[in-house]
Amino acid sequence: MTAHVRDQRFVELMGMIAYYHCGGHRLDLEHSMPIGDPWVPGSTCDHLLISLPYLHGPALEQCPLPGGHARILWALPVTAAEIEFRRRHGHEALEQLFDEAEIVPTDPFRASVV
């Protein structure tokens, strides 16, 4: 997760992601999860969308390790309306809206693209 400031909330969110993933939901590319509250107070982003780490380039996605590799994906904060749009129109259609709107993914107060 890339954020605009350092905040303990982001550590808690990473813990939530790990718990959700290990609790039987097996998060992967194009999956999403509700986080129950706004990403930060006042934000309309209350879900996370698992996406490619676009801001950091493709070299970040594959992280070589001794004896294998880790795949690093991005937990992008999104709105409930964006998740509903993705369910109806697909992940690529939502990503296209993000591109067209030129969202700043680290802006917790960005407007929903739908």
PDB file of N, CA and C in Angstrom:
ATOM      1  N   MET A   1       0.858  -1.167   0.000  1.00  0.00           N
ATOM      2  CA  MET A   1       0.000   0.000   0.000  1.00  0.00           C
ATOM      3  C   MET A   1       0.901   1.226   0.000  1.00  0.00           C
ATOM      4  N   THR A   2       0.618   2.143  -0.877  1.00  0.00           N
ATOM      5  CA  THR A   2       1.335   3.407  -0.931  1.00  0.00           C
ATOM      6  C   THR A   2       0.407   4.463  -0.364  1.00  0.00           C
ATOM      7  N   ALA A   3       0.886   5.249   0.559  1.00  0.00           N
ATOM      8  CA  ALA A   3       0.033   6.225   1.223  1.00  0.00           C
ATOM      9  C   ALA A   3       0.676   7.601   1.200  1.00  0.00           C
ATOM     10  N   HIS A   4      -0.147   8.598   1.440  1.00  0.00           N
ATOM     11  CA  HIS A   4       0.302   9.992   1.403  1.00  0.00           C
ATOM     12  C   HIS A   4       1.049  10.415   2.667  1.00  0.00           C
ATOM     13  N   VAL A   5       0.839   9.726   3.758  1.00  0.00           N
ATOM     14  CA  VAL A   5       1.493  10.026   5.039  1.00  0.00           C
ATOM     15  C   VAL A   5       1.761   8.715   5.766  1.00  0.00           C
ATOM     16  N   ARG A   6       2.570   8.774   6.800  1.00  0.00           N
ATOM     17  CA  ARG A   6       2.761   7.608   7.673  1.00  0.00           C
ATOM     18  C   ARG A   6       1.658   7.622   8.712  1.00  0.00           C
ATOM     19  N   ASP A   7       1.042   6.462   8.934  1.00  0.00           N
ATOM     20  CA  ASP A   7      -0.048   6.405   9.898  1.00  0.00           C
ATOM     21  C   ASP A   7      -0.178   4.971  10.406  1.00  0.00           C
ATOM     22  N   GLN A   8      -0.411   4.819  11.698  1.00  0.00           N
ATOM     23  CA  GLN A   8      -0.595   3.503  12.299  1.00  0.00           C
ATOM     24  C   GLN A   8      -1.743   2.752  11.630  1.00  0.00           C
ATOM     25  N   ARG A   9      -2.728   3.466  11.105  1.00  0.00           N
ATOM     26  CA  ARG A   9      -3.877   2.855  10.433  1.00  0.00           C
ATOM     27  C   ARG A   9      -3.426   1.942   9.291  1.00  0.00           C
ATOM     28  N   PHE A  10      -2.373   2.326   8.598  1.00  0.00           N
ATOM     29  CA  PHE A  10      -1.916   1.530   7.466  1.00  0.00           C
ATOM     30  C   PHE A  10      -1.292   0.212   7.921  1.00  0.00           C
ATOM     31  N   VAL A  11      -0.635   0.215   9.062  1.00  0.00           N
ATOM     32  CA  VAL A  11      -0.119  -1.030   9.636  1.00  0.00           C
ATOM     33  C   VAL A  11      -1.292  -1.942   9.981  1.00  0.00           C
ATOM     34  N   GLU A  12      -2.345  -1.373  10.573  1.00  0.00           N
ATOM     35  CA  GLU A  12      -3.540  -2.147  10.905  1.00  0.00           C
ATOM     36  C   GLU A  12      -4.193  -2.703   9.643  1.00  0.00           C
ATOM     37  N   LEU A  13      -4.255  -1.907   8.584  1.00  0.00           N
ATOM     38  CA  LEU A  13      -4.827  -2.391   7.320  1.00  0.00           C
ATOM     39  C   LEU A  13      -4.022  -3.551   6.757  1.00  0.00           C
ATOM     40  N   MET A  14      -2.692  -3.486   6.834  1.00  0.00           N
ATOM     41  CA  MET A  14      -1.874  -4.591   6.340  1.00  0.00           C
ATOM     42  C   MET A  14      -2.143  -5.849   7.161  1.00  0.00           C
ATOM     43  N   GLY A  15      -2.343  -5.691   8.465  1.00  0.00           N
ATOM     44  CA  GLY A  15      -2.714  -6.828   9.308  1.00  0.00           C
ATOM     45  C   GLY A  15      -4.068  -7.395   8.907  1.00  0.00           C
ATOM     46  N   MET A  16      -5.024  -6.526   8.597  1.00  0.00           N
ATOM     47  CA  MET A  16      -6.348  -6.971   8.146  1.00  0.00           C
ATOM     48  C   MET A  16      -6.241  -7.756   6.843  1.00  0.00           C
ATOM     49  N   ILE A  17      -5.411  -7.263   5.935  1.00  0.00           N
ATOM     50  CA  ILE A  17      -5.221  -7.948   4.644  1.00  0.00           C
ATOM     51  C   ILE A  17      -4.654  -9.343   4.874  1.00  0.00           C
ATOM     52  N   ALA A  18      -3.633  -9.449   5.701  1.00  0.00           N
ATOM     53  CA  ALA A  18      -3.021 -10.751   5.986  1.00  0.00           C
ATOM     54  C   ALA A  18      -4.024 -11.698   6.639  1.00  0.00           C
ATOM     55  N   TYR A  19      -4.786 -11.204   7.597  1.00  0.00           N
ATOM     56  CA  TYR A  19      -5.782 -12.031   8.287  1.00  0.00           C
ATOM     57  C   TYR A  19      -6.863 -12.497   7.305  1.00  0.00           C
ATOM     58  N   TYR A  20      -7.362 -11.599   6.486  1.00  0.00           N
ATOM     59  CA  TYR A  20      -8.393 -11.919   5.491  1.00  0.00           C
ATOM     60  C   TYR A  20      -7.864 -12.962   4.514  1.00  0.00           C
ATOM     61  N   HIS A  21      -6.624 -12.748   4.054  1.00  0.00           N
ATOM     62  CA  HIS A  21      -6.009 -13.655   3.081  1.00  0.00           C
ATOM     63  C   HIS A  21      -5.806 -15.050   3.678  1.00  0.00           C
ATOM     64  N   CYS A  22      -5.294 -15.119   4.884  1.00  0.00           N
ATOM     65  CA  CYS A  22      -5.017 -16.407   5.528  1.00  0.00           C
ATOM     66  C   CYS A  22      -6.267 -17.042   6.124  1.00  0.00           C
ATOM     67  N   GLY A  23      -7.329 -16.267   6.238  1.00  0.00           N
ATOM     68  CA  GLY A  23      -8.577 -16.762   6.814  1.00  0.00           C
ATOM     69  C   GLY A  23      -9.487 -17.436   5.802  1.00  0.00           C
ATOM     70  N   GLY A  24      -8.940 -17.819   4.671  1.00  0.00           N
ATOM     71  CA  GLY A  24      -9.722 -18.566   3.693  1.00  0.00           C
ATOM     72  C   GLY A  24     -10.150 -17.781   2.469  1.00  0.00           C
ATOM     73  N   HIS A  25      -9.832 -16.497   2.386  1.00  0.00           N
ATOM     74  CA  HIS A  25     -10.263 -15.702   1.236  1.00  0.00           C
ATOM     75  C   HIS A  25      -9.232 -15.668   0.118  1.00  0.00           C
ATOM     76  N   ARG A  26      -7.980 -16.018   0.399  1.00  0.00           N
ATOM     77  CA  ARG A  26      -6.914 -16.125  -0.607  1.00  0.00           C
ATOM     78  C   ARG A  26      -6.942 -14.985  -1.626  1.00  0.00           C
ATOM     79  N   LEU A  27      -6.604 -13.792  -1.178  1.00  0.00           N
ATOM     80  CA  LEU A  27      -6.576 -12.632  -2.051  1.00  0.00           C
ATOM     81  C   LEU A  27      -5.568 -12.807  -3.176  1.00  0.00           C
ATOM     82  N   ASP A  28      -5.948 -12.336  -4.351  1.00  0.00           N
ATOM     83  CA  ASP A  28      -5.083 -12.379  -5.522  1.00  0.00           C
ATOM     84  C   ASP A  28      -5.446 -11.204  -6.418  1.00  0.00           C
ATOM     85  N   LEU A  29      -4.748 -11.066  -7.511  1.00  0.00           N
ATOM     86  CA  LEU A  29      -4.975  -9.998  -8.468  1.00  0.00           C
ATOM     87  C   LEU A  29      -6.463  -9.915  -8.840  1.00  0.00           C
ATOM     88  N   GLU A  30      -7.017  -8.708  -8.809  1.00  0.00           N
ATOM     89  CA  GLU A  30      -8.399  -8.391  -9.151  1.00  0.00           C
ATOM     90  C   GLU A  30      -9.404  -8.747  -8.062  1.00  0.00           C
ATOM     91  N   HIS A  31      -8.938  -9.225  -6.917  1.00  0.00           N
ATOM     92  CA  HIS A  31      -9.842  -9.471  -5.797  1.00  0.00           C
ATOM     93  C   HIS A  31     -10.034  -8.169  -5.024  1.00  0.00           C
ATOM     94  N   SER A  32     -11.028  -8.166  -4.160  1.00  0.00           N
ATOM     95  CA  SER A  32     -11.265  -6.993  -3.317  1.00  0.00           C
ATOM     96  C   SER A  32     -11.706  -7.446  -1.937  1.00  0.00           C
ATOM     97  N   MET A  33     -11.652  -6.506  -1.012  1.00  0.00           N
ATOM     98  CA  MET A  33     -12.119  -6.796   0.338  1.00  0.00           C
ATOM     99  C   MET A  33     -12.632  -5.514   0.977  1.00  0.00           C
ATOM    100  N   PRO A  34     -13.702  -5.630   1.766  1.00  0.00           N
ATOM    101  CA  PRO A  34     -14.177  -4.464   2.519  1.00  0.00           C
ATOM    102  C   PRO A  34     -13.264  -4.243   3.720  1.00  0.00           C
ATOM    103  N   ILE A  35     -13.097  -2.991   4.121  1.00  0.00           N
ATOM    104  CA  ILE A  35     -12.277  -2.729   5.300  1.00  0.00           C
ATOM    105  C   ILE A  35     -13.101  -2.179   6.462  1.00  0.00           C
ATOM    106  N   GLY A  36     -14.409  -2.041   6.267  1.00  0.00           N
ATOM    107  CA  GLY A  36     -15.299  -1.699   7.364  1.00  0.00           C
ATOM    108  C   GLY A  36     -15.399  -0.225   7.700  1.00  0.00           C
ATOM    109  N   ASP A  37     -14.344   0.497   7.475  1.00  0.00           N
ATOM    110  CA  ASP A  37     -14.292   1.934   7.753  1.00  0.00           C
ATOM    111  C   ASP A  37     -13.593   2.607   6.577  1.00  0.00           C
ATOM    112  N   PRO A  38     -13.664   3.916   6.514  1.00  0.00           N
ATOM    113  CA  PRO A  38     -12.887   4.605   5.473  1.00  0.00           C
ATOM    114  C   PRO A  38     -11.394   4.323   5.630  1.00  0.00           C
ATOM    115  N   TRP A  39     -10.691   4.387   4.523  1.00  0.00           N
ATOM    116  CA  TRP A  39      -9.244   4.202   4.496  1.00  0.00           C
ATOM    117  C   TRP A  39      -8.597   5.133   5.519  1.00  0.00           C
ATOM    118  N   VAL A  40      -8.987   6.379   5.507  1.00  0.00           N
ATOM    119  CA  VAL A  40      -8.636   7.365   6.531  1.00  0.00           C
ATOM    120  C   VAL A  40      -9.907   8.140   6.850  1.00  0.00           C
ATOM    121  N   PRO A  41     -10.030   8.738   8.021  1.00  0.00           N
ATOM    122  CA  PRO A  41     -11.241   9.492   8.341  1.00  0.00           C
ATOM    123  C   PRO A  41     -11.558  10.535   7.262  1.00  0.00           C
ATOM    124  N   GLY A  42     -12.807  10.535   6.830  1.00  0.00           N
ATOM    125  CA  GLY A  42     -13.252  11.480   5.814  1.00  0.00           C
ATOM    126  C   GLY A  42     -13.149  10.978   4.389  1.00  0.00           C
ATOM    127  N   SER A  43     -12.515   9.840   4.183  1.00  0.00           N
ATOM    128  CA  SER A  43     -12.380   9.263   2.844  1.00  0.00           C
ATOM    129  C   SER A  43     -13.630   8.456   2.509  1.00  0.00           C
ATOM    130  N   THR A  44     -13.964   8.367   1.222  1.00  0.00           N
ATOM    131  CA  THR A  44     -15.061   7.502   0.792  1.00  0.00           C
ATOM    132  C   THR A  44     -14.561   6.116   0.394  1.00  0.00           C
ATOM    133  N   CYS A  45     -13.246   5.922   0.414  1.00  0.00           N
ATOM    134  CA  CYS A  45     -12.650   4.620   0.065  1.00  0.00           C
ATOM    135  C   CYS A  45     -12.733   3.693   1.274  1.00  0.00           C
ATOM    136  N   ASP A  46     -13.592   2.679   1.164  1.00  0.00           N
ATOM    137  CA  ASP A  46     -13.798   1.746   2.277  1.00  0.00           C
ATOM    138  C   ASP A  46     -13.623   0.288   1.864  1.00  0.00           C
ATOM    139  N   HIS A  47     -12.972   0.082   0.724  1.00  0.00           N
ATOM    140  CA  HIS A  47     -12.626  -1.245   0.221  1.00  0.00           C
ATOM    141  C   HIS A  47     -11.188  -1.186  -0.286  1.00  0.00           C
ATOM    142  N   LEU A  48     -10.584  -2.347  -0.440  1.00  0.00           N
ATOM    143  CA  LEU A  48      -9.276  -2.445  -1.072  1.00  0.00           C
ATOM    144  C   LEU A  48      -9.400  -3.324  -2.302  1.00  0.00           C
ATOM    145  N   LEU A  49      -8.791  -2.910  -3.386  1.00  0.00           N
ATOM    146  CA  LEU A  49      -8.760  -3.659  -4.627  1.00  0.00           C
ATOM    147  C   LEU A  49      -7.330  -4.127  -4.844  1.00  0.00           C
ATOM    148  N   ILE A  50      -7.143  -5.416  -5.030  1.00  0.00           N
ATOM    149  CA  ILE A  50      -5.808  -5.963  -5.254  1.00  0.00           C
ATOM    150  C   ILE A  50      -5.479  -5.788  -6.730  1.00  0.00           C
ATOM    151  N   SER A  51      -4.421  -5.048  -6.979  1.00  0.00           N
ATOM    152  CA  SER A  51      -4.077  -4.629  -8.332  1.00  0.00           C
ATOM    153  C   SER A  51      -2.572  -4.745  -8.545  1.00  0.00           C
ATOM    154  N   LEU A  52      -2.142  -4.512  -9.770  1.00  0.00           N
ATOM    155  CA  LEU A  52      -0.716  -4.471 -10.060  1.00  0.00           C
ATOM    156  C   LEU A  52      -0.139  -3.188  -9.469  1.00  0.00           C
ATOM    157  N   PRO A  53       1.129  -3.196  -9.080  1.00  0.00           N
ATOM    158  CA  PRO A  53       1.746  -2.011  -8.467  1.00  0.00           C
ATOM    159  C   PRO A  53       2.137  -0.970  -9.522  1.00  0.00           C
ATOM    160  N   TYR A  54       1.126  -0.389 -10.181  1.00  0.00           N
ATOM    161  CA  TYR A  54       1.355   0.512 -11.306  1.00  0.00           C
ATOM    162  C   TYR A  54       2.280   1.684 -10.996  1.00  0.00           C
ATOM    163  N   LEU A  55       2.146   2.288  -9.830  1.00  0.00           N
ATOM    164  CA  LEU A  55       2.975   3.452  -9.508  1.00  0.00           C
ATOM    165  C   LEU A  55       4.454   3.119  -9.457  1.00  0.00           C
ATOM    166  N   HIS A  56       4.782   1.872  -9.194  1.00  0.00           N
ATOM    167  CA  HIS A  56       6.172   1.486  -8.977  1.00  0.00           C
ATOM    168  C   HIS A  56       6.764   0.695 -10.137  1.00  0.00           C
ATOM    169  N   GLY A  57       5.983   0.399 -11.140  1.00  0.00           N
ATOM    170  CA  GLY A  57       6.476  -0.309 -12.307  1.00  0.00           C
ATOM    171  C   GLY A  57       6.495  -1.817 -12.123  1.00  0.00           C
ATOM    172  N   PRO A  58       6.609  -2.545 -13.228  1.00  0.00           N
ATOM    173  CA  PRO A  58       6.529  -4.008 -13.186  1.00  0.00           C
ATOM    174  C   PRO A  58       7.670  -4.689 -12.446  1.00  0.00           C
ATOM    175  N   ALA A  59       8.786  -4.013 -12.274  1.00  0.00           N
ATOM    176  CA  ALA A  59       9.916  -4.635 -11.573  1.00  0.00           C
ATOM    177  C   ALA A  59       9.584  -4.920 -10.110  1.00  0.00           C
ATOM    178  N   LEU A  60       8.661  -4.190  -9.522  1.00  0.00           N
ATOM    179  CA  LEU A  60       8.306  -4.421  -8.129  1.00  0.00           C
ATOM    180  C   LEU A  60       7.459  -5.686  -7.960  1.00  0.00           C
ATOM    181  N   GLU A  61       6.664  -6.019  -8.971  1.00  0.00           N
ATOM    182  CA  GLU A  61       5.734  -7.144  -8.832  1.00  0.00           C
ATOM    183  C   GLU A  61       6.446  -8.459  -8.530  1.00  0.00           C
ATOM    184  N   GLN A  62       7.525  -8.753  -9.206  1.00  0.00           N
ATOM    185  CA  GLN A  62       8.262  -9.999  -8.994  1.00  0.00           C
ATOM    186  C   GLN A  62       9.495  -9.711  -8.151  1.00  0.00           C
ATOM    187  N   CYS A  63       9.508 -10.234  -6.955  1.00  0.00           N
ATOM    188  CA  CYS A  63      10.603  -9.990  -6.018  1.00  0.00           C
ATOM    189  C   CYS A  63      11.382 -11.291  -5.840  1.00  0.00           C
ATOM    190  N   PRO A  64      12.582 -11.376  -6.436  1.00  0.00           N
ATOM    191  CA  PRO A  64      13.363 -12.610  -6.307  1.00  0.00           C
ATOM    192  C   PRO A  64      13.822 -12.847  -4.870  1.00  0.00           C
ATOM    193  N   LEU A  65      13.726 -14.088  -4.465  1.00  0.00           N
ATOM    194  CA  LEU A  65      14.178 -14.514  -3.142  1.00  0.00           C
ATOM    195  C   LEU A  65      15.016 -15.775  -3.315  1.00  0.00           C
ATOM    196  N   PRO A  66      15.878 -16.081  -2.376  1.00  0.00           N
ATOM    197  CA  PRO A  66      16.611 -17.351  -2.474  1.00  0.00           C
ATOM    198  C   PRO A  66      15.618 -18.519  -2.553  1.00  0.00           C
ATOM    199  N   GLY A  67      15.720 -19.301  -3.581  1.00  0.00           N
ATOM    200  CA  GLY A  67      14.854 -20.466  -3.732  1.00  0.00           C
ATOM    201  C   GLY A  67      13.479 -20.165  -4.300  1.00  0.00           C
ATOM    202  N   GLY A  68      13.245 -18.970  -4.811  1.00  0.00           N
ATOM    203  CA  GLY A  68      11.928 -18.652  -5.382  1.00  0.00           C
ATOM    204  C   GLY A  68      11.728 -17.160  -5.546  1.00  0.00           C
ATOM    205  N   HIS A  69      10.495 -16.743  -5.389  1.00  0.00           N
ATOM    206  CA  HIS A  69      10.187 -15.315  -5.498  1.00  0.00           C
ATOM    207  C   HIS A  69       8.886 -15.023  -4.746  1.00  0.00           C
ATOM    208  N   ALA A  70       8.678 -13.753  -4.494  1.00  0.00           N
ATOM    209  CA  ALA A  70       7.416 -13.282  -3.919  1.00  0.00           C
ATOM    210  C   ALA A  70       6.764 -12.393  -4.962  1.00  0.00           C
ATOM    211  N   ARG A  71       5.463 -12.462  -5.037  1.00  0.00           N
ATOM    212  CA  ARG A  71       4.718 -11.570  -5.935  1.00  0.00           C
ATOM    213  C   ARG A  71       4.146 -10.445  -5.090  1.00  0.00           C
ATOM    214  N   ILE A  72       4.486  -9.228  -5.430  1.00  0.00           N
ATOM    215  CA  ILE A  72       4.021  -8.073  -4.676  1.00  0.00           C
ATOM    216  C   ILE A  72       2.920  -7.382  -5.466  1.00  0.00           C
ATOM    217  N   LEU A  73       1.746  -7.320  -4.867  1.00  0.00           N
ATOM    218  CA  LEU A  73       0.606  -6.649  -5.479  1.00  0.00           C
ATOM    219  C   LEU A  73       0.236  -5.436  -4.637  1.00  0.00           C
ATOM    220  N   TRP A  74      -0.623  -4.617  -5.167  1.00  0.00           N
ATOM    221  CA  TRP A  74      -0.982  -3.347  -4.558  1.00  0.00           C
ATOM    222  C   TRP A  74      -2.381  -3.444  -3.969  1.00  0.00           C
ATOM    223  N   ALA A  75      -2.544  -2.956  -2.762  1.00  0.00           N
ATOM    224  CA  ALA A  75      -3.863  -2.843  -2.131  1.00  0.00           C
ATOM    225  C   ALA A  75      -4.338  -1.413  -2.358  1.00  0.00           C
ATOM    226  N   LEU A  76      -5.125  -1.214  -3.404  1.00  0.00           N
ATOM    227  CA  LEU A  76      -5.588   0.109  -3.810  1.00  0.00           C
ATOM    228  C   LEU A  76      -6.898   0.451  -3.114  1.00  0.00           C
ATOM    229  N   PRO A  77      -6.939   1.528  -2.327  1.00  0.00           N
ATOM    230  CA  PRO A  77      -8.200   1.927  -1.689  1.00  0.00           C
ATOM    231  C   PRO A  77      -9.212   2.390  -2.747  1.00  0.00           C
ATOM    232  N   VAL A  78     -10.411   1.846  -2.670  1.00  0.00           N
ATOM    233  CA  VAL A  78     -11.480   2.170  -3.620  1.00  0.00           C
ATOM    234  C   VAL A  78     -12.798   2.332  -2.866  1.00  0.00           C
ATOM    235  N   THR A  79     -13.801   2.827  -3.572  1.00  0.00           N
ATOM    236  CA  THR A  79     -15.118   3.027  -2.977  1.00  0.00           C
ATOM    237  C   THR A  79     -16.013   1.810  -3.209  1.00  0.00           C
ATOM    238  N   ALA A  80     -17.079   1.723  -2.436  1.00  0.00           N
ATOM    239  CA  ALA A  80     -18.059   0.647  -2.624  1.00  0.00           C
ATOM    240  C   ALA A  80     -18.678   0.731  -4.013  1.00  0.00           C
ATOM    241  N   ALA A  81     -18.919   1.947  -4.498  1.00  0.00           N
ATOM    242  CA  ALA A  81     -19.496   2.122  -5.838  1.00  0.00           C
ATOM    243  C   ALA A  81     -18.550   1.594  -6.917  1.00  0.00           C
ATOM    244  N   GLU A  82     -17.253   1.788  -6.735  1.00  0.00           N
ATOM    245  CA  GLU A  82     -16.286   1.276  -7.701  1.00  0.00           C
ATOM    246  C   GLU A  82     -16.245  -0.250  -7.685  1.00  0.00           C
ATOM    247  N   ILE A  83     -16.366  -0.840  -6.514  1.00  0.00           N
ATOM    248  CA  ILE A  83     -16.415  -2.309  -6.416  1.00  0.00           C
ATOM    249  C   ILE A  83     -17.669  -2.835  -7.102  1.00  0.00           C
ATOM    250  N   GLU A  84     -18.793  -2.181  -6.909  1.00  0.00           N
ATOM    251  CA  GLU A  84     -20.038  -2.611  -7.568  1.00  0.00           C
ATOM    252  C   GLU A  84     -19.908  -2.475  -9.083  1.00  0.00           C
ATOM    253  N   PHE A  85     -19.310  -1.410  -9.556  1.00  0.00           N
ATOM    254  CA  PHE A  85     -19.074  -1.239 -10.992  1.00  0.00           C
ATOM    255  C   PHE A  85     -18.213  -2.387 -11.522  1.00  0.00           C
ATOM    256  N   ARG A  86     -17.159  -2.731 -10.789  1.00  0.00           N
ATOM    257  CA  ARG A  86     -16.276  -3.833 -11.201  1.00  0.00           C
ATOM    258  C   ARG A  86     -17.034  -5.150 -11.283  1.00  0.00           C
ATOM    259  N   ARG A  87     -17.915  -5.391 -10.334  1.00  0.00           N
ATOM    260  CA  ARG A  87     -18.711  -6.629 -10.364  1.00  0.00           C
ATOM    261  C   ARG A  87     -19.582  -6.698 -11.617  1.00  0.00           C
ATOM    262  N   ARG A  88     -20.103  -5.571 -12.023  1.00  0.00           N
ATOM    263  CA  ARG A  88     -21.016  -5.533 -13.186  1.00  0.00           C
ATOM    264  C   ARG A  88     -20.294  -5.466 -14.522  1.00  0.00           C
ATOM    265  N   HIS A  89     -19.160  -4.758 -14.561  1.00  0.00           N
ATOM    266  CA  HIS A  89     -18.519  -4.474 -15.848  1.00  0.00           C
ATOM    267  C   HIS A  89     -17.119  -5.067 -15.995  1.00  0.00           C
ATOM    268  N   GLY A  90     -16.573  -5.600 -14.922  1.00  0.00           N
ATOM    269  CA  GLY A  90     -15.256  -6.225 -14.992  1.00  0.00           C
ATOM    270  C   GLY A  90     -14.136  -5.318 -14.501  1.00  0.00           C
ATOM    271  N   HIS A  91     -13.057  -5.976 -14.141  1.00  0.00           N
ATOM    272  CA  HIS A  91     -11.894  -5.285 -13.583  1.00  0.00           C
ATOM    273  C   HIS A  91     -11.270  -4.319 -14.588  1.00  0.00           C
ATOM    274  N   GLU A  92     -11.115  -4.756 -15.823  1.00  0.00           N
ATOM    275  CA  GLU A  92     -10.488  -3.910 -16.844  1.00  0.00           C
ATOM    276  C   GLU A  92     -11.280  -2.633 -17.077  1.00  0.00           C
ATOM    277  N   ALA A  93     -12.615  -2.729 -17.045  1.00  0.00           N
ATOM    278  CA  ALA A  93     -13.448  -1.530 -17.232  1.00  0.00           C
ATOM    279  C   ALA A  93     -13.221  -0.532 -16.101  1.00  0.00           C
ATOM    280  N   LEU A  94     -13.070  -1.026 -14.878  1.00  0.00           N
ATOM    281  CA  LEU A  94     -12.796  -0.135 -13.758  1.00  0.00           C
ATOM    282  C   LEU A  94     -11.409   0.478 -13.887  1.00  0.00           C
ATOM    283  N   GLU A  95     -10.419  -0.318 -14.234  1.00  0.00           N
ATOM    284  CA  GLU A  95      -9.066   0.210 -14.420  1.00  0.00           C
ATOM    285  C   GLU A  95      -9.064   1.292 -15.506  1.00  0.00           C
ATOM    286  N   GLN A  96      -9.856   1.109 -16.553  1.00  0.00           N
ATOM    287  CA  GLN A  96      -9.957   2.111 -17.618  1.00  0.00           C
ATOM    288  C   GLN A  96     -10.515   3.428 -17.074  1.00  0.00           C
ATOM    289  N   LEU A  97     -11.539   3.332 -16.213  1.00  0.00           N
ATOM    290  CA  LEU A  97     -12.089   4.545 -15.598  1.00  0.00           C
ATOM    291  C   LEU A  97     -11.038   5.246 -14.734  1.00  0.00           C
ATOM    292  N   PHE A  98     -10.258   4.476 -13.997  1.00  0.00           N
ATOM    293  CA  PHE A  98      -9.179   5.064 -13.203  1.00  0.00           C
ATOM    294  C   PHE A  98      -8.209   5.833 -14.104  1.00  0.00           C
ATOM    295  N   ASP A  99      -7.839   5.214 -15.235  1.00  0.00           N
ATOM    296  CA  ASP A  99      -6.918   5.859 -16.168  1.00  0.00           C
ATOM    297  C   ASP A  99      -7.520   7.129 -16.752  1.00  0.00           C
ATOM    298  N   GLU A 100      -8.773   7.040 -17.198  1.00  0.00           N
ATOM    299  CA  GLU A 100      -9.437   8.202 -17.803  1.00  0.00           C
ATOM    300  C   GLU A 100      -9.579   9.351 -16.811  1.00  0.00           C
ATOM    301  N   ALA A 101      -9.867   9.033 -15.560  1.00  0.00           N
ATOM    302  CA  ALA A 101     -10.031  10.067 -14.527  1.00  0.00           C
ATOM    303  C   ALA A 101      -8.691  10.560 -13.992  1.00  0.00           C
ATOM    304  N   GLU A 102      -7.619   9.872 -14.378  1.00  0.00           N
ATOM    305  CA  GLU A 102      -6.272  10.206 -13.908  1.00  0.00           C
ATOM    306  C   GLU A 102      -6.238  10.347 -12.383  1.00  0.00           C
ATOM    307  N   ILE A 103      -6.761   9.303 -11.715  1.00  0.00           N
ATOM    308  CA  ILE A 103      -6.799   9.358 -10.251  1.00  0.00           C
ATOM    309  C   ILE A 103      -5.396   9.428  -9.676  1.00  0.00           C
ATOM    310  N   VAL A 104      -5.312  10.006  -8.514  1.00  0.00           N
ATOM    311  CA  VAL A 104      -4.085   9.966  -7.721  1.00  0.00           C
ATOM    312  C   VAL A 104      -4.342   8.904  -6.658  1.00  0.00           C
ATOM    313  N   PRO A 105      -3.807   7.696  -6.841  1.00  0.00           N
ATOM    314  CA  PRO A 105      -4.154   6.584  -5.965  1.00  0.00           C
ATOM    315  C   PRO A 105      -3.835   6.810  -4.491  1.00  0.00           C
ATOM    316  N   THR A 106      -2.902   7.678  -4.199  1.00  0.00           N
ATOM    317  CA  THR A 106      -2.540   7.950  -2.810  1.00  0.00           C
ATOM    318  C   THR A 106      -3.388   9.050  -2.169  1.00  0.00           C
ATOM    319  N   ASP A 107      -4.318   9.609  -2.930  1.00  0.00           N
ATOM    320  CA  ASP A 107      -5.196  10.665  -2.406  1.00  0.00           C
ATOM    321  C   ASP A 107      -6.389  10.018  -1.717  1.00  0.00           C
ATOM    322  N   PRO A 108      -6.449  10.054  -0.388  1.00  0.00           N
ATOM    323  CA  PRO A 108      -7.554   9.393   0.312  1.00  0.00           C
ATOM    324  C   PRO A 108      -8.893  10.106   0.110  1.00  0.00           C
ATOM    325  N   PHE A 109      -8.866  11.310  -0.421  1.00  0.00           N
ATOM    326  CA  PHE A 109     -10.093  12.074  -0.592  1.00  0.00           C
ATOM    327  C   PHE A 109     -10.493  12.219  -2.058  1.00  0.00           C
ATOM    328  N   ARG A 110      -9.922  11.380  -2.913  1.00  0.00           N
ATOM    329  CA  ARG A 110     -10.268  11.440  -4.327  1.00  0.00           C
ATOM    330  C   ARG A 110     -11.744  11.087  -4.515  1.00  0.00           C
ATOM    331  N   ALA A 111     -12.333  11.649  -5.560  1.00  0.00           N
ATOM    332  CA  ALA A 111     -13.719  11.342  -5.881  1.00  0.00           C
ATOM    333  C   ALA A 111     -13.810   9.957  -6.510  1.00  0.00           C
ATOM    334  N   SER A 112     -14.936   9.303  -6.295  1.00  0.00           N
ATOM    335  CA  SER A 112     -15.187   8.016  -6.944  1.00  0.00           C
ATOM    336  C   SER A 112     -15.267   8.239  -8.448  1.00  0.00           C
ATOM    337  N   VAL A 113     -14.798   7.269  -9.225  1.00  0.00           N
ATOM    338  CA  VAL A 113     -14.845   7.402 -10.690  1.00  0.00           C
ATOM    339  C   VAL A 113     -16.186   6.952 -11.258  1.00  0.00           C
ATOM    340  N   VAL A 114     -17.072   6.455 -10.426  1.00  0.00           N
ATOM    341  CA  VAL A 114     -18.411   6.051 -10.901  1.00  0.00           C
ATOM    342  C   VAL A 114     -19.490   6.758 -10.108  1.00  0.00           C
TER     343      VAL A 114
END
